[in-house]
């Protein structure tokens, strides 16, 4: 079997996946949520056995059940939610350009 070079589309897809993963890693490392900050702060206190549970209880007291649900949903959707749609649009655009170039050469 002869190994072939990846096509431009494959190279583009690989780069987009790699960039998306790097972007998520940077966002996760740099952007610690208020919940995570409180949880880490509580973890260092004596007598706290479940810092995540205690942080959730404090949050529910402060914001209420609905407020905490909204914050949780916002935190989940914050992580690069439109990146895959953007990747699909860019892939389609690149494919159209390459198809047009190939048609022009023939």
C-alpha atoms as a PDB file:
ATOM      1  CA  UNK A   1       0.000   0.000   0.000  1.00  0.00           C
ATOM      2  CA  UNK A   2       1.278   3.364  -0.973  1.00  0.00           C
ATOM      3  CA  UNK A   3       0.668   6.185   1.456  1.00  0.00           C
ATOM      4  CA  UNK A   4      -0.767   9.260  -0.177  1.00  0.00           C
ATOM      5  CA  UNK A   5      -0.551  12.836   0.985  1.00  0.00           C
ATOM      6  CA  UNK A   6      -3.695  14.117   2.713  1.00  0.00           C
ATOM      7  CA  UNK A   7      -5.909  16.278   0.537  1.00  0.00           C
ATOM      8  CA  UNK A   8      -6.372  19.957   1.265  1.00  0.00           C
ATOM      9  CA  UNK A   9      -9.781  19.237   2.761  1.00  0.00           C
ATOM     10  CA  UNK A  10      -8.334  16.583   5.087  1.00  0.00           C
ATOM     11  CA  UNK A  11      -5.534  18.945   6.128  1.00  0.00           C
ATOM     12  CA  UNK A  12      -8.106  21.682   6.765  1.00  0.00           C
ATOM     13  CA  UNK A  13     -10.306  19.367   8.841  1.00  0.00           C
ATOM     14  CA  UNK A  14      -7.339  18.198  10.915  1.00  0.00           C
ATOM     15  CA  UNK A  15      -6.289  21.796  11.554  1.00  0.00           C
ATOM     16  CA  UNK A  16      -9.819  22.828  12.555  1.00  0.00           C
ATOM     17  CA  UNK A  17     -10.144  19.911  14.985  1.00  0.00           C
ATOM     18  CA  UNK A  18      -6.727  20.658  16.493  1.00  0.00           C
ATOM     19  CA  UNK A  19      -7.489  24.389  16.823  1.00  0.00           C
ATOM     20  CA  UNK A  20     -10.871  23.633  18.403  1.00  0.00           C
ATOM     21  CA  UNK A  21      -9.260  21.318  20.966  1.00  0.00           C
ATOM     22  CA  UNK A  22      -6.549  23.878  21.760  1.00  0.00           C
ATOM     23  CA  UNK A  23      -9.138  26.643  22.118  1.00  0.00           C
ATOM     24  CA  UNK A  24     -11.190  24.536  24.542  1.00  0.00           C
ATOM     25  CA  UNK A  25      -8.101  23.650  26.571  1.00  0.00           C
ATOM     26  CA  UNK A  26      -7.092  27.320  26.851  1.00  0.00           C
ATOM     27  CA  UNK A  27     -10.629  28.340  27.772  1.00  0.00           C
ATOM     28  CA  UNK A  28     -10.885  25.630  30.407  1.00  0.00           C
ATOM     29  CA  UNK A  29      -7.520  26.522  31.946  1.00  0.00           C
ATOM     30  CA  UNK A  30      -7.882  30.303  31.915  1.00  0.00           C
ATOM     31  CA  UNK A  31     -11.599  30.706  32.434  1.00  0.00           C
ATOM     32  CA  UNK A  32     -12.384  29.231  35.811  1.00  0.00           C
ATOM     33  CA  UNK A  33     -16.047  29.702  36.678  1.00  0.00           C
ATOM     34  CA  UNK A  34     -17.274  31.280  39.894  1.00  0.00           C
ATOM     35  CA  UNK A  35     -18.503  27.850  40.955  1.00  0.00           C
ATOM     36  CA  UNK A  36     -15.044  26.311  40.434  1.00  0.00           C
ATOM     37  CA  UNK A  37     -13.369  29.149  42.316  1.00  0.00           C
ATOM     38  CA  UNK A  38     -15.706  28.702  45.266  1.00  0.00           C
ATOM     39  CA  UNK A  39     -15.301  24.926  45.151  1.00  0.00           C
ATOM     40  CA  UNK A  40     -11.490  25.233  45.217  1.00  0.00           C
ATOM     41  CA  UNK A  41     -11.675  27.748  48.054  1.00  0.00           C
ATOM     42  CA  UNK A  42     -13.939  25.453  50.092  1.00  0.00           C
ATOM     43  CA  UNK A  43     -11.751  22.411  49.387  1.00  0.00           C
ATOM     44  CA  UNK A  44      -8.937  23.983  51.429  1.00  0.00           C
ATOM     45  CA  UNK A  45     -11.129  24.486  54.520  1.00  0.00           C
ATOM     46  CA  UNK A  46     -11.039  22.008  57.383  1.00  0.00           C
ATOM     47  CA  UNK A  47     -14.118  19.860  57.814  1.00  0.00           C
ATOM     48  CA  UNK A  48     -15.386  20.213  54.236  1.00  0.00           C
ATOM     49  CA  UNK A  49     -15.827  16.733  52.788  1.00  0.00           C
ATOM     50  CA  UNK A  50     -17.766  17.622  49.613  1.00  0.00           C
ATOM     51  CA  UNK A  51     -16.736  21.065  48.333  1.00  0.00           C
ATOM     52  CA  UNK A  52     -18.782  20.747  45.122  1.00  0.00           C
ATOM     53  CA  UNK A  53     -21.937  19.928  47.058  1.00  0.00           C
ATOM     54  CA  UNK A  54     -21.366  22.774  49.483  1.00  0.00           C
ATOM     55  CA  UNK A  55     -20.714  25.210  46.626  1.00  0.00           C
ATOM     56  CA  UNK A  56     -23.951  24.078  44.939  1.00  0.00           C
ATOM     57  CA  UNK A  57     -25.897  24.589  48.175  1.00  0.00           C
ATOM     58  CA  UNK A  58     -24.449  28.078  48.616  1.00  0.00           C
ATOM     59  CA  UNK A  59     -25.284  28.898  44.990  1.00  0.00           C
ATOM     60  CA  UNK A  60     -28.878  27.685  45.361  1.00  0.00           C
ATOM     61  CA  UNK A  61     -29.299  29.815  48.477  1.00  0.00           C
ATOM     62  CA  UNK A  62     -27.906  32.870  46.713  1.00  0.00           C
ATOM     63  CA  UNK A  63     -29.501  32.479  43.247  1.00  0.00           C
ATOM     64  CA  UNK A  64     -32.379  30.032  43.782  1.00  0.00           C
ATOM     65  CA  UNK A  65     -33.091  26.821  41.909  1.00  0.00           C
ATOM     66  CA  UNK A  66     -33.987  28.503  38.591  1.00  0.00           C
ATOM     67  CA  UNK A  67     -31.045  30.900  38.779  1.00  0.00           C
ATOM     68  CA  UNK A  68     -28.593  28.035  39.282  1.00  0.00           C
ATOM     69  CA  UNK A  69     -30.162  26.125  36.380  1.00  0.00           C
ATOM     70  CA  UNK A  70     -29.696  29.171  34.116  1.00  0.00           C
ATOM     71  CA  UNK A  71     -26.076  29.570  35.184  1.00  0.00           C
ATOM     72  CA  UNK A  72     -25.385  25.870  34.590  1.00  0.00           C
ATOM     73  CA  UNK A  73     -26.920  26.029  31.106  1.00  0.00           C
ATOM     74  CA  UNK A  74     -24.918  29.164  30.285  1.00  0.00           C
ATOM     75  CA  UNK A  75     -21.723  27.471  31.436  1.00  0.00           C
ATOM     76  CA  UNK A  76     -22.368  24.422  29.253  1.00  0.00           C
ATOM     77  CA  UNK A  77     -23.160  26.456  26.145  1.00  0.00           C
ATOM     78  CA  UNK A  78     -20.199  28.767  26.693  1.00  0.00           C
ATOM     79  CA  UNK A  79     -17.630  26.234  25.475  1.00  0.00           C
ATOM     80  CA  UNK A  80     -17.252  27.019  21.785  1.00  0.00           C
ATOM     81  CA  UNK A  81     -20.823  26.076  20.916  1.00  0.00           C
ATOM     82  CA  UNK A  82     -20.724  27.499  17.380  1.00  0.00           C
ATOM     83  CA  UNK A  83     -17.345  26.058  16.473  1.00  0.00           C
ATOM     84  CA  UNK A  84     -18.713  22.944  14.759  1.00  0.00           C
ATOM     85  CA  UNK A  85     -21.196  24.975  12.685  1.00  0.00           C
ATOM     86  CA  UNK A  86     -18.360  27.296  11.690  1.00  0.00           C
ATOM     87  CA  UNK A  87     -16.190  24.316  10.783  1.00  0.00           C
ATOM     88  CA  UNK A  88     -18.954  22.912   8.547  1.00  0.00           C
ATOM     89  CA  UNK A  89     -19.444  26.258   6.759  1.00  0.00           C
ATOM     90  CA  UNK A  90     -15.702  26.671   6.210  1.00  0.00           C
ATOM     91  CA  UNK A  91     -15.393  23.078   4.968  1.00  0.00           C
ATOM     92  CA  UNK A  92     -18.214  23.647   2.461  1.00  0.00           C
ATOM     93  CA  UNK A  93     -16.647  26.904   1.276  1.00  0.00           C
ATOM     94  CA  UNK A  94     -13.240  25.270   0.817  1.00  0.00           C
ATOM     95  CA  UNK A  95     -14.819  22.394  -1.071  1.00  0.00           C
ATOM     96  CA  UNK A  96     -16.591  24.835  -3.441  1.00  0.00           C
ATOM     97  CA  UNK A  97     -13.328  26.694  -4.102  1.00  0.00           C
ATOM     98  CA  UNK A  98     -11.399  23.489  -4.793  1.00  0.00           C
ATOM     99  CA  UNK A  99     -14.175  22.192  -7.044  1.00  0.00           C
ATOM    100  CA  UNK A 100     -14.205  25.460  -8.979  1.00  0.00           C
ATOM    101  CA  UNK A 101     -10.412  25.367  -9.377  1.00  0.00           C
ATOM    102  CA  UNK A 102     -10.545  21.745 -10.550  1.00  0.00           C
ATOM    103  CA  UNK A 103     -13.296  22.573 -13.048  1.00  0.00           C
ATOM    104  CA  UNK A 104     -11.280  25.526 -14.342  1.00  0.00           C
ATOM    105  CA  UNK A 105      -8.182  23.389 -14.974  1.00  0.00           C
ATOM    106  CA  UNK A 106     -10.040  20.779 -17.061  1.00  0.00           C
END
